[in-house]
Amino acid sequence: MAETSKNAAGVDNTFRRKFDREEYLERARDRERKEAEGRGKSKSKGPPVQRKPLKHRDYEVDLDSRLGKTQVVTPVAPLSQQAGYFCSVCECVVKDSANYLDHINGKKHQRALGMSMRVERASLKQVQERFEVLKKRKVPGSFTEQDLDERILKQQQEEEERKRQRRERKKEKKKEKAVEEEIEMDPDVAAMMGFGGFGSSKK
C-alpha cells in the first residue's frame, strides 16, 4: 500500500547513480602522472639562451613624423595603421610617445632583439677612441660670442619692426572707423525722418 502511494506521487527511486571508486582513483593517478611529466619537460628545455649585451641605437627614433596630422581609425584596421606608435618587432601598438620610448628601451623589446639588459664594460682604449671620434665630429669655431650678439641684435630689430607694423594697423583701423562714422545720411531722407543731422556736423 505504501509503495503504490509513493509511485502515485511521482517520485522515481529506481535509478541511483553508482560511483566506481577504482575507476576514479585510476583517473586521478593518470592526471597526476601527466602533470609531473609536464613539469619535468618545462624545466629541462635545454641550456639557457645567451643574449648579447646592450648596444646603442644606430638610428633616430621617429616621434614627430605624424605630429599634427589626422588619421581615420577603424576597428578592423591592421595594427600598423591603428592610432598610436606601432612596434614592428613586438607587433604591438603603444598610445603615446612617452610609452613608446619606455617600450623600445624596455626588457621585452630588447629581448625580442636578442639583447640582455646588461651593458658591456668599456675598456680605457675604447673610451679614448670614442673621445677622439667626438672631437673630430665637432666643427672648430662653430659658435662665438660675436655670433650670439648678432643674433640678439637681429631679434631685437625684428621685434621692433613687428611692433611698428602693429601700431600702423591700429592707426588704419581707427581711420576706417572715423570714416564710417562721418558718412552722412542723404539730406532728403533725414528731412523726411524728422532730424537734421548726426554727430558733430555743424550748420
N, C-alpha and C. Protein backbone atom coordinates (compact mmCIF):
# COMPACT_ATOMS: atom_id res chain seq x y z
N MET A 1 0.81 -1.18 0.00
CA MET A 1 0.00 0.00 0.00
C MET A 1 0.86 1.25 0.00
N ALA A 2 1.96 1.20 0.79
CA ALA A 2 2.86 2.34 0.89
C ALA A 2 3.59 2.57 -0.43
N GLU A 3 4.01 1.47 -1.13
CA GLU A 3 4.72 1.60 -2.40
C GLU A 3 3.84 2.23 -3.46
N THR A 4 2.59 1.87 -3.53
CA THR A 4 1.70 2.43 -4.53
C THR A 4 1.47 3.91 -4.30
N SER A 5 1.44 4.34 -3.04
CA SER A 5 1.25 5.77 -2.77
C SER A 5 2.47 6.58 -3.20
N LYS A 6 3.71 6.02 -3.05
CA LYS A 6 4.93 6.73 -3.48
C LYS A 6 4.95 6.88 -4.99
N ASN A 7 4.63 5.79 -5.70
CA ASN A 7 4.62 5.85 -7.16
C ASN A 7 3.56 6.83 -7.67
N ALA A 8 2.48 6.92 -6.95
CA ALA A 8 1.42 7.84 -7.35
C ALA A 8 1.86 9.27 -7.19
N ALA A 9 2.74 9.52 -6.23
CA ALA A 9 3.22 10.89 -6.00
C ALA A 9 4.21 11.30 -7.07
N GLY A 10 4.77 10.41 -7.87
CA GLY A 10 5.66 10.74 -8.97
C GLY A 10 7.13 10.70 -8.62
N VAL A 11 7.52 10.09 -7.49
CA VAL A 11 8.92 10.00 -7.11
C VAL A 11 9.47 8.69 -7.65
N ASP A 12 10.60 8.79 -8.40
CA ASP A 12 11.18 7.59 -9.02
C ASP A 12 12.51 7.29 -8.35
N ASN A 13 12.55 6.18 -7.54
CA ASN A 13 13.79 5.80 -6.84
C ASN A 13 14.48 4.62 -7.52
N THR A 14 14.03 4.25 -8.66
CA THR A 14 14.59 3.04 -9.26
C THR A 14 15.99 3.26 -9.80
N PHE A 15 16.35 4.53 -10.22
CA PHE A 15 17.69 4.78 -10.76
C PHE A 15 18.50 5.55 -9.74
N ARG A 16 19.61 5.01 -9.35
CA ARG A 16 20.50 5.70 -8.45
C ARG A 16 21.90 5.55 -9.01
N ARG A 17 22.65 6.69 -9.09
CA ARG A 17 23.99 6.65 -9.71
C ARG A 17 24.95 5.94 -8.78
N LYS A 18 25.73 5.02 -9.35
CA LYS A 18 26.71 4.28 -8.55
C LYS A 18 28.10 4.69 -9.03
N PHE A 19 28.98 5.09 -8.08
CA PHE A 19 30.34 5.51 -8.40
C PHE A 19 31.29 4.34 -8.22
N ASP A 20 32.16 4.15 -9.23
CA ASP A 20 33.17 3.10 -9.14
C ASP A 20 34.45 3.75 -8.61
N ARG A 21 34.77 3.47 -7.36
CA ARG A 21 35.92 4.12 -6.71
C ARG A 21 37.22 3.82 -7.45
N GLU A 22 37.41 2.64 -7.92
CA GLU A 22 38.66 2.25 -8.59
C GLU A 22 38.87 3.04 -9.89
N GLU A 23 37.80 3.23 -10.62
CA GLU A 23 37.89 3.96 -11.89
C GLU A 23 38.35 5.41 -11.66
N TYR A 24 37.75 6.05 -10.65
CA TYR A 24 38.10 7.44 -10.38
C TYR A 24 39.49 7.58 -9.77
N LEU A 25 39.92 6.62 -8.97
CA LEU A 25 41.30 6.63 -8.45
C LEU A 25 42.30 6.51 -9.59
N GLU A 26 41.98 5.67 -10.57
CA GLU A 26 42.87 5.49 -11.74
C GLU A 26 42.96 6.78 -12.55
N ARG A 27 41.82 7.46 -12.72
CA ARG A 27 41.82 8.73 -13.45
C ARG A 27 42.68 9.78 -12.74
N ALA A 28 42.58 9.86 -11.42
CA ALA A 28 43.36 10.82 -10.63
C ALA A 28 44.86 10.53 -10.76
N ARG A 29 45.23 9.23 -10.72
CA ARG A 29 46.66 8.87 -10.86
C ARG A 29 47.18 9.26 -12.25
N ASP A 30 46.38 9.04 -13.31
CA ASP A 30 46.78 9.42 -14.67
C ASP A 30 47.01 10.93 -14.76
N ARG A 31 46.09 11.71 -14.17
CA ARG A 31 46.21 13.17 -14.21
C ARG A 31 47.49 13.63 -13.51
N GLU A 32 47.78 13.04 -12.33
CA GLU A 32 49.00 13.41 -11.59
C GLU A 32 50.25 13.06 -12.39
N ARG A 33 50.23 11.90 -13.07
CA ARG A 33 51.38 11.48 -13.88
C ARG A 33 51.64 12.48 -15.02
N LYS A 34 50.55 12.89 -15.70
CA LYS A 34 50.70 13.84 -16.81
C LYS A 34 51.22 15.20 -16.33
N GLU A 35 50.72 15.67 -15.18
CA GLU A 35 51.19 16.95 -14.64
C GLU A 35 52.67 16.89 -14.28
N ALA A 36 53.10 15.76 -13.69
CA ALA A 36 54.52 15.59 -13.33
C ALA A 36 55.40 15.58 -14.58
N GLU A 37 54.94 14.92 -15.65
CA GLU A 37 55.70 14.90 -16.91
C GLU A 37 55.81 16.30 -17.50
N GLY A 38 54.70 17.05 -17.44
CA GLY A 38 54.69 18.43 -17.96
C GLY A 38 55.65 19.33 -17.22
N ARG A 39 55.71 19.17 -15.88
CA ARG A 39 56.65 19.98 -15.09
C ARG A 39 58.09 19.61 -15.41
N GLY A 40 58.35 18.36 -15.60
CA GLY A 40 59.71 17.92 -15.91
C GLY A 40 60.17 18.44 -17.26
N LYS A 41 59.27 18.45 -18.25
CA LYS A 41 59.63 18.95 -19.58
C LYS A 41 59.93 20.43 -19.57
N SER A 42 59.13 21.21 -18.84
CA SER A 42 59.33 22.66 -18.84
C SER A 42 60.64 23.04 -18.18
N LYS A 43 61.08 22.26 -17.19
CA LYS A 43 62.35 22.59 -16.51
C LYS A 43 63.54 22.21 -17.37
N SER A 44 63.45 21.12 -18.11
CA SER A 44 64.60 20.65 -18.88
C SER A 44 64.47 21.02 -20.35
N LYS A 45 64.34 22.31 -20.63
CA LYS A 45 64.23 22.76 -22.02
C LYS A 45 65.58 22.72 -22.72
N GLY A 46 66.64 22.87 -21.98
CA GLY A 46 67.96 22.92 -22.57
C GLY A 46 68.78 24.01 -21.92
N PRO A 47 69.93 24.32 -22.50
CA PRO A 47 70.78 25.36 -21.90
C PRO A 47 70.12 26.74 -22.02
N PRO A 48 70.38 27.62 -21.06
CA PRO A 48 69.79 28.97 -21.14
C PRO A 48 70.32 29.73 -22.35
N VAL A 49 69.50 30.61 -22.88
CA VAL A 49 69.85 31.37 -24.09
C VAL A 49 70.85 32.46 -23.72
N GLN A 50 71.94 32.50 -24.47
CA GLN A 50 72.94 33.56 -24.26
C GLN A 50 72.57 34.75 -25.13
N ARG A 51 72.36 35.89 -24.50
CA ARG A 51 71.99 37.09 -25.24
C ARG A 51 73.16 38.06 -25.28
N LYS A 52 73.17 38.88 -26.34
CA LYS A 52 74.24 39.88 -26.49
C LYS A 52 74.02 41.02 -25.51
N PRO A 53 75.08 41.71 -25.10
CA PRO A 53 74.88 42.89 -24.23
C PRO A 53 74.23 44.03 -25.01
N LEU A 54 73.70 45.00 -24.29
CA LEU A 54 73.01 46.14 -24.91
C LEU A 54 73.94 46.92 -25.82
N LYS A 55 73.42 47.37 -26.94
CA LYS A 55 74.17 48.25 -27.85
C LYS A 55 73.38 49.54 -28.01
N HIS A 56 74.09 50.64 -28.31
CA HIS A 56 73.37 51.90 -28.52
C HIS A 56 72.68 51.86 -29.88
N ARG A 57 71.59 52.64 -29.99
CA ARG A 57 70.81 52.67 -31.23
C ARG A 57 71.60 53.35 -32.33
N ASP A 58 71.54 52.79 -33.53
CA ASP A 58 72.23 53.41 -34.65
C ASP A 58 71.25 54.09 -35.60
N TYR A 59 70.01 54.37 -35.11
CA TYR A 59 69.01 55.06 -35.91
C TYR A 59 68.29 56.07 -35.04
N GLU A 60 67.67 57.05 -35.69
CA GLU A 60 66.91 58.07 -34.97
C GLU A 60 65.49 57.54 -34.72
N VAL A 61 64.99 57.75 -33.51
CA VAL A 61 63.62 57.36 -33.19
C VAL A 61 62.69 58.43 -33.75
N ASP A 62 61.79 58.02 -34.65
CA ASP A 62 60.90 58.97 -35.32
C ASP A 62 59.63 59.15 -34.49
N LEU A 63 59.56 60.27 -33.74
CA LEU A 63 58.40 60.53 -32.89
C LEU A 63 57.48 61.59 -33.46
N ASP A 64 58.01 62.47 -34.32
CA ASP A 64 57.18 63.60 -34.76
C ASP A 64 56.88 63.62 -36.26
N SER A 65 56.95 62.48 -36.93
CA SER A 65 56.62 62.47 -38.36
C SER A 65 55.12 62.63 -38.58
N ARG A 66 54.31 62.11 -37.65
CA ARG A 66 52.85 62.22 -37.80
C ARG A 66 52.26 63.29 -36.89
N LEU A 67 53.10 64.18 -36.40
CA LEU A 67 52.65 65.23 -35.49
C LEU A 67 51.75 66.21 -36.23
N GLY A 68 50.57 66.48 -35.67
CA GLY A 68 49.64 67.44 -36.26
C GLY A 68 48.83 66.89 -37.42
N LYS A 69 48.96 65.61 -37.72
CA LYS A 69 48.20 65.02 -38.83
C LYS A 69 46.99 64.27 -38.28
N THR A 70 45.94 64.24 -39.06
CA THR A 70 44.75 63.49 -38.66
C THR A 70 44.72 62.16 -39.39
N GLN A 71 44.08 61.18 -38.76
CA GLN A 71 44.05 59.84 -39.35
C GLN A 71 42.71 59.20 -38.99
N VAL A 72 42.08 58.57 -39.95
CA VAL A 72 40.83 57.87 -39.70
C VAL A 72 41.18 56.47 -39.20
N VAL A 73 40.63 56.11 -38.05
CA VAL A 73 40.94 54.82 -37.45
C VAL A 73 39.67 53.98 -37.42
N THR A 74 39.76 52.78 -37.95
CA THR A 74 38.62 51.86 -37.92
C THR A 74 38.97 50.67 -37.04
N PRO A 75 37.96 50.05 -36.45
CA PRO A 75 38.26 48.91 -35.55
C PRO A 75 38.82 47.69 -36.28
N VAL A 76 38.64 47.62 -37.58
CA VAL A 76 39.13 46.45 -38.32
C VAL A 76 40.47 46.71 -39.02
N ALA A 77 41.05 47.88 -38.77
CA ALA A 77 42.33 48.22 -39.41
C ALA A 77 43.44 47.34 -38.84
N PRO A 78 44.47 47.03 -39.65
CA PRO A 78 45.60 46.26 -39.12
C PRO A 78 46.34 47.06 -38.05
N LEU A 79 47.11 46.37 -37.23
CA LEU A 79 47.79 47.03 -36.09
C LEU A 79 48.66 48.19 -36.54
N SER A 80 49.34 48.05 -37.68
CA SER A 80 50.27 49.09 -38.12
C SER A 80 49.56 50.38 -38.52
N GLN A 81 48.24 50.32 -38.76
CA GLN A 81 47.51 51.51 -39.18
C GLN A 81 46.57 52.03 -38.10
N GLN A 82 46.70 51.51 -36.89
CA GLN A 82 45.86 51.98 -35.79
C GLN A 82 46.48 53.22 -35.15
N ALA A 83 45.70 53.88 -34.29
CA ALA A 83 46.17 55.11 -33.66
C ALA A 83 47.28 54.79 -32.67
N GLY A 84 48.36 55.54 -32.72
CA GLY A 84 49.48 55.33 -31.80
C GLY A 84 50.74 54.96 -32.54
N TYR A 85 51.72 54.47 -31.79
CA TYR A 85 53.02 54.09 -32.33
C TYR A 85 53.08 52.57 -32.41
N PHE A 86 53.42 52.05 -33.60
CA PHE A 86 53.46 50.61 -33.84
C PHE A 86 54.88 50.10 -33.74
N CYS A 87 55.09 49.07 -32.94
CA CYS A 87 56.41 48.42 -32.83
C CYS A 87 56.36 47.16 -33.69
N SER A 88 57.14 47.15 -34.77
CA SER A 88 57.11 46.01 -35.69
C SER A 88 57.83 44.80 -35.12
N VAL A 89 58.73 45.00 -34.16
CA VAL A 89 59.45 43.87 -33.56
C VAL A 89 58.51 43.06 -32.66
N CYS A 90 57.79 43.77 -31.78
CA CYS A 90 56.89 43.10 -30.83
C CYS A 90 55.46 43.00 -31.34
N GLU A 91 55.17 43.65 -32.46
CA GLU A 91 53.84 43.68 -33.07
C GLU A 91 52.79 44.15 -32.06
N CYS A 92 53.02 45.36 -31.53
CA CYS A 92 52.07 45.94 -30.59
C CYS A 92 51.95 47.43 -30.88
N VAL A 93 50.84 48.03 -30.41
CA VAL A 93 50.59 49.45 -30.60
C VAL A 93 50.65 50.13 -29.23
N VAL A 94 51.42 51.22 -29.16
CA VAL A 94 51.54 51.99 -27.93
C VAL A 94 50.91 53.35 -28.19
N LYS A 95 50.14 53.87 -27.23
CA LYS A 95 49.28 55.02 -27.49
C LYS A 95 50.00 56.37 -27.56
N ASP A 96 51.08 56.57 -26.82
CA ASP A 96 51.74 57.88 -26.87
C ASP A 96 53.26 57.74 -26.92
N SER A 97 53.96 58.86 -27.18
CA SER A 97 55.40 58.82 -27.43
C SER A 97 56.19 58.44 -26.18
N ALA A 98 55.73 58.88 -25.01
CA ALA A 98 56.47 58.55 -23.77
C ALA A 98 56.44 57.04 -23.53
N ASN A 99 55.26 56.44 -23.69
CA ASN A 99 55.16 54.98 -23.51
C ASN A 99 55.90 54.23 -24.61
N TYR A 100 55.96 54.80 -25.82
CA TYR A 100 56.69 54.15 -26.91
C TYR A 100 58.19 54.11 -26.59
N LEU A 101 58.72 55.23 -26.07
CA LEU A 101 60.13 55.25 -25.68
C LEU A 101 60.40 54.26 -24.56
N ASP A 102 59.49 54.21 -23.57
CA ASP A 102 59.64 53.23 -22.49
C ASP A 102 59.65 51.81 -23.06
N HIS A 103 58.80 51.56 -24.04
CA HIS A 103 58.70 50.22 -24.63
C HIS A 103 59.99 49.84 -25.36
N ILE A 104 60.50 50.73 -26.23
CA ILE A 104 61.68 50.35 -27.01
C ILE A 104 62.95 50.30 -26.16
N ASN A 105 62.92 50.93 -24.99
CA ASN A 105 64.07 50.84 -24.08
C ASN A 105 63.87 49.73 -23.04
N GLY A 106 62.72 49.06 -23.08
CA GLY A 106 62.37 48.09 -22.05
C GLY A 106 62.89 46.68 -22.32
N LYS A 107 62.67 45.85 -21.31
CA LYS A 107 63.20 44.48 -21.29
C LYS A 107 62.59 43.61 -22.40
N LYS A 108 61.27 43.69 -22.56
CA LYS A 108 60.59 42.82 -23.54
C LYS A 108 61.10 43.10 -24.96
N HIS A 109 61.21 44.38 -25.32
CA HIS A 109 61.64 44.75 -26.67
C HIS A 109 63.10 44.35 -26.89
N GLN A 110 63.95 44.59 -25.89
CA GLN A 110 65.37 44.25 -26.03
C GLN A 110 65.57 42.74 -26.15
N ARG A 111 64.76 41.99 -25.42
CA ARG A 111 64.86 40.53 -25.54
C ARG A 111 64.44 40.06 -26.92
N ALA A 112 63.40 40.71 -27.47
CA ALA A 112 62.96 40.35 -28.83
C ALA A 112 64.05 40.65 -29.85
N LEU A 113 64.88 41.65 -29.57
CA LEU A 113 66.01 41.98 -30.46
C LEU A 113 67.22 41.08 -30.21
N GLY A 114 67.15 40.25 -29.17
CA GLY A 114 68.24 39.32 -28.87
C GLY A 114 69.30 39.91 -27.96
N MET A 115 68.91 40.90 -27.13
CA MET A 115 69.87 41.52 -26.21
C MET A 115 69.41 41.36 -24.78
N SER A 116 70.37 41.26 -23.88
CA SER A 116 70.03 41.25 -22.46
C SER A 116 70.05 42.70 -21.98
N MET A 117 69.69 42.93 -20.75
CA MET A 117 69.68 44.30 -20.23
C MET A 117 71.03 44.68 -19.61
N ARG A 118 72.04 43.83 -19.79
CA ARG A 118 73.37 44.14 -19.26
C ARG A 118 74.17 44.93 -20.28
N VAL A 119 75.01 45.84 -19.78
CA VAL A 119 75.82 46.68 -20.66
C VAL A 119 77.26 46.15 -20.62
N GLU A 120 77.87 46.09 -21.79
CA GLU A 120 79.26 45.62 -21.87
C GLU A 120 80.19 46.66 -21.26
N ARG A 121 81.12 46.21 -20.45
CA ARG A 121 82.05 47.13 -19.80
C ARG A 121 83.09 47.60 -20.81
N ALA A 122 83.23 48.93 -20.92
CA ALA A 122 84.15 49.51 -21.90
C ALA A 122 85.56 49.59 -21.31
N SER A 123 86.55 49.36 -22.18
CA SER A 123 87.94 49.47 -21.73
C SER A 123 88.40 50.92 -21.88
N LEU A 124 89.56 51.23 -21.34
CA LEU A 124 90.11 52.58 -21.40
C LEU A 124 90.36 52.97 -22.86
N LYS A 125 90.86 52.03 -23.64
CA LYS A 125 91.15 52.31 -25.04
C LYS A 125 89.88 52.67 -25.82
N GLN A 126 88.78 51.95 -25.57
CA GLN A 126 87.51 52.23 -26.25
C GLN A 126 87.00 53.63 -25.91
N VAL A 127 87.14 54.03 -24.64
CA VAL A 127 86.69 55.35 -24.21
C VAL A 127 87.51 56.44 -24.90
N GLN A 128 88.85 56.24 -24.97
CA GLN A 128 89.71 57.23 -25.62
C GLN A 128 89.38 57.36 -27.11
N GLU A 129 89.14 56.21 -27.77
CA GLU A 129 88.77 56.24 -29.19
C GLU A 129 87.46 56.99 -29.41
N ARG A 130 86.51 56.77 -28.50
CA ARG A 130 85.21 57.45 -28.61
C ARG A 130 85.38 58.96 -28.46
N PHE A 131 86.23 59.39 -27.51
CA PHE A 131 86.50 60.82 -27.34
C PHE A 131 87.12 61.42 -28.61
N GLU A 132 88.03 60.69 -29.25
CA GLU A 132 88.66 61.17 -30.48
C GLU A 132 87.63 61.35 -31.59
N VAL A 133 86.72 60.38 -31.71
CA VAL A 133 85.68 60.46 -32.74
C VAL A 133 84.80 61.69 -32.50
N LEU A 134 84.43 61.92 -31.25
CA LEU A 134 83.57 63.07 -30.93
C LEU A 134 84.29 64.39 -31.15
N LYS A 135 85.60 64.43 -30.88
CA LYS A 135 86.37 65.67 -31.13
C LYS A 135 86.43 65.99 -32.62
N LYS A 136 86.59 64.94 -33.44
CA LYS A 136 86.65 65.15 -34.89
C LYS A 136 85.31 65.60 -35.44
N ARG A 137 84.23 65.10 -34.84
CA ARG A 137 82.89 65.45 -35.31
C ARG A 137 82.57 66.92 -35.03
N LYS A 138 83.10 67.46 -33.94
CA LYS A 138 82.82 68.85 -33.56
C LYS A 138 83.59 69.80 -34.49
N VAL A 139 82.86 70.74 -35.09
CA VAL A 139 83.48 71.70 -36.01
C VAL A 139 84.12 72.81 -35.17
N PRO A 140 85.42 73.09 -35.37
CA PRO A 140 86.07 74.13 -34.55
C PRO A 140 85.53 75.52 -34.88
N GLY A 141 85.34 76.33 -33.86
CA GLY A 141 84.91 77.72 -34.05
C GLY A 141 83.52 77.84 -34.64
N SER A 142 82.65 76.90 -34.30
CA SER A 142 81.31 76.93 -34.89
C SER A 142 80.42 77.98 -34.23
N PHE A 143 80.75 78.38 -33.01
CA PHE A 143 79.89 79.34 -32.32
C PHE A 143 80.76 80.25 -31.46
N THR A 144 80.57 81.55 -31.62
CA THR A 144 81.34 82.52 -30.82
C THR A 144 80.39 83.51 -30.16
N GLU A 145 80.95 84.35 -29.29
CA GLU A 145 80.15 85.38 -28.61
C GLU A 145 79.65 86.42 -29.62
N GLN A 146 80.44 86.68 -30.64
CA GLN A 146 80.05 87.65 -31.65
C GLN A 146 78.77 87.17 -32.37
N ASP A 147 78.71 85.86 -32.68
CA ASP A 147 77.51 85.30 -33.29
C ASP A 147 76.29 85.50 -32.39
N LEU A 148 76.48 85.31 -31.09
CA LEU A 148 75.39 85.49 -30.14
C LEU A 148 74.91 86.94 -30.13
N ASP A 149 75.86 87.89 -30.10
CA ASP A 149 75.49 89.32 -30.11
C ASP A 149 74.71 89.67 -31.38
N GLU A 150 75.18 89.16 -32.52
CA GLU A 150 74.49 89.44 -33.78
C GLU A 150 73.06 88.88 -33.79
N ARG A 151 72.92 87.68 -33.25
CA ARG A 151 71.58 87.07 -33.18
C ARG A 151 70.65 87.91 -32.31
N ILE A 152 71.14 88.35 -31.15
CA ILE A 152 70.31 89.14 -30.23
C ILE A 152 69.90 90.45 -30.90
N LEU A 153 70.86 91.12 -31.56
CA LEU A 153 70.56 92.40 -32.23
C LEU A 153 69.52 92.19 -33.34
N LYS A 154 69.68 91.13 -34.12
CA LYS A 154 68.74 90.84 -35.20
C LYS A 154 67.34 90.58 -34.65
N GLN A 155 67.27 89.84 -33.54
CA GLN A 155 65.98 89.54 -32.92
C GLN A 155 65.30 90.81 -32.42
N GLN A 156 66.08 91.72 -31.81
CA GLN A 156 65.52 92.98 -31.31
C GLN A 156 64.97 93.81 -32.47
N GLN A 157 65.71 93.87 -33.58
CA GLN A 157 65.24 94.62 -34.74
C GLN A 157 63.93 94.05 -35.29
N GLU A 158 63.86 92.72 -35.36
CA GLU A 158 62.63 92.09 -35.84
C GLU A 158 61.45 92.39 -34.93
N GLU A 159 61.70 92.39 -33.62
CA GLU A 159 60.64 92.69 -32.64
C GLU A 159 60.14 94.13 -32.80
N GLU A 160 61.09 95.06 -32.98
CA GLU A 160 60.72 96.47 -33.17
C GLU A 160 59.90 96.64 -34.46
N GLU A 161 60.29 95.95 -35.51
CA GLU A 161 59.56 96.03 -36.79
C GLU A 161 58.12 95.51 -36.61
N ARG A 162 57.97 94.40 -35.87
CA ARG A 162 56.64 93.85 -35.62
C ARG A 162 55.77 94.84 -34.85
N LYS A 163 56.35 95.49 -33.82
CA LYS A 163 55.60 96.48 -33.02
C LYS A 163 55.16 97.66 -33.89
N ARG A 164 56.08 98.14 -34.77
CA ARG A 164 55.76 99.26 -35.64
C ARG A 164 54.59 98.91 -36.58
N GLN A 165 54.64 97.69 -37.14
CA GLN A 165 53.56 97.26 -38.03
C GLN A 165 52.23 97.16 -37.28
N ARG A 166 52.27 96.69 -36.02
CA ARG A 166 51.05 96.62 -35.22
C ARG A 166 50.46 98.00 -34.99
N ARG A 167 51.33 98.99 -34.66
CA ARG A 167 50.86 100.37 -34.43
C ARG A 167 50.22 100.94 -35.69
N GLU A 168 50.85 100.69 -36.85
CA GLU A 168 50.29 101.19 -38.11
C GLU A 168 48.92 100.57 -38.39
N ARG A 169 48.77 99.27 -38.14
CA ARG A 169 47.49 98.61 -38.35
C ARG A 169 46.41 99.21 -37.46
N LYS A 170 46.77 99.50 -36.19
CA LYS A 170 45.80 100.11 -35.27
C LYS A 170 45.37 101.48 -35.77
N LYS A 171 46.33 102.29 -36.26
CA LYS A 171 46.01 103.62 -36.78
C LYS A 171 45.06 103.52 -37.97
N GLU A 172 45.33 102.56 -38.87
CA GLU A 172 44.47 102.38 -40.04
C GLU A 172 43.06 102.00 -39.63
N LYS A 173 42.93 101.13 -38.63
CA LYS A 173 41.60 100.74 -38.17
C LYS A 173 40.84 101.93 -37.59
N LYS A 174 41.56 102.77 -36.82
CA LYS A 174 40.92 103.96 -36.25
C LYS A 174 40.43 104.89 -37.35
N LYS A 175 41.25 105.07 -38.39
CA LYS A 175 40.85 105.92 -39.52
C LYS A 175 39.62 105.37 -40.21
N GLU A 176 39.59 104.05 -40.42
CA GLU A 176 38.44 103.43 -41.07
C GLU A 176 37.17 103.64 -40.25
N LYS A 177 37.27 103.51 -38.92
CA LYS A 177 36.10 103.72 -38.06
C LYS A 177 35.62 105.17 -38.16
N ALA A 178 36.58 106.11 -38.14
CA ALA A 178 36.22 107.53 -38.21
C ALA A 178 35.52 107.83 -39.54
N VAL A 179 36.02 107.23 -40.64
CA VAL A 179 35.41 107.45 -41.95
C VAL A 179 33.98 106.89 -41.96
N GLU A 180 33.76 105.75 -41.39
CA GLU A 180 32.43 105.15 -41.34
C GLU A 180 31.46 106.03 -40.56
N GLU A 181 31.94 106.62 -39.47
CA GLU A 181 31.07 107.48 -38.66
C GLU A 181 30.74 108.79 -39.38
N GLU A 182 31.67 109.27 -40.18
CA GLU A 182 31.48 110.55 -40.86
C GLU A 182 30.55 110.45 -42.07
N ILE A 183 30.31 109.23 -42.52
CA ILE A 183 29.42 109.09 -43.69
C ILE A 183 28.06 109.69 -43.32
N GLU A 184 27.67 110.70 -44.09
CA GLU A 184 26.41 111.39 -43.78
C GLU A 184 25.25 110.72 -44.48
N MET A 185 24.11 110.91 -43.88
CA MET A 185 22.89 110.37 -44.45
C MET A 185 22.41 111.30 -45.57
N ASP A 186 21.66 110.75 -46.49
CA ASP A 186 21.09 111.55 -47.57
C ASP A 186 20.18 112.64 -46.95
N PRO A 187 20.36 113.93 -47.31
CA PRO A 187 19.60 115.01 -46.66
C PRO A 187 18.08 114.88 -46.84
N ASP A 188 17.62 114.38 -47.98
CA ASP A 188 16.18 114.22 -48.20
C ASP A 188 15.59 113.20 -47.23
N VAL A 189 16.32 112.06 -47.03
CA VAL A 189 15.86 111.00 -46.13
C VAL A 189 15.84 111.53 -44.70
N ALA A 190 16.88 112.29 -44.34
CA ALA A 190 16.96 112.83 -42.99
C ALA A 190 15.80 113.80 -42.73
N ALA A 191 15.46 114.64 -43.71
CA ALA A 191 14.36 115.60 -43.54
C ALA A 191 13.04 114.86 -43.41
N MET A 192 12.88 113.78 -44.18
CA MET A 192 11.66 113.01 -44.12
C MET A 192 11.49 112.36 -42.75
N MET A 193 12.60 111.92 -42.14
CA MET A 193 12.54 111.24 -40.86
C MET A 193 12.39 112.23 -39.70
N GLY A 194 12.68 113.48 -39.94
CA GLY A 194 12.43 114.46 -38.90
C GLY A 194 13.66 114.92 -38.15
N PHE A 195 14.83 114.67 -38.64
CA PHE A 195 16.02 115.22 -37.98
C PHE A 195 16.96 115.77 -39.02
N GLY A 196 17.72 116.74 -38.54
CA GLY A 196 18.54 117.49 -39.48
C GLY A 196 19.88 116.85 -39.75
N GLY A 197 20.51 116.26 -38.77
CA GLY A 197 21.83 115.69 -39.00
C GLY A 197 22.31 114.90 -37.80
N PHE A 198 23.48 114.29 -37.95
CA PHE A 198 24.06 113.46 -36.88
C PHE A 198 25.39 114.03 -36.45
N GLY A 199 25.79 113.64 -35.27
CA GLY A 199 27.14 113.88 -34.78
C GLY A 199 27.52 115.33 -34.71
N SER A 200 28.76 115.61 -35.13
CA SER A 200 29.34 116.93 -34.94
C SER A 200 29.25 117.80 -36.20
N SER A 201 28.43 117.42 -37.15
CA SER A 201 28.33 118.22 -38.37
C SER A 201 27.62 119.54 -38.03
N LYS A 202 28.27 120.66 -38.33
CA LYS A 202 27.76 121.98 -37.96
C LYS A 202 27.10 122.64 -39.17
N LYS A 203 26.06 123.47 -38.89
CA LYS A 203 25.36 124.18 -39.98
C LYS A 203 25.86 125.58 -40.07
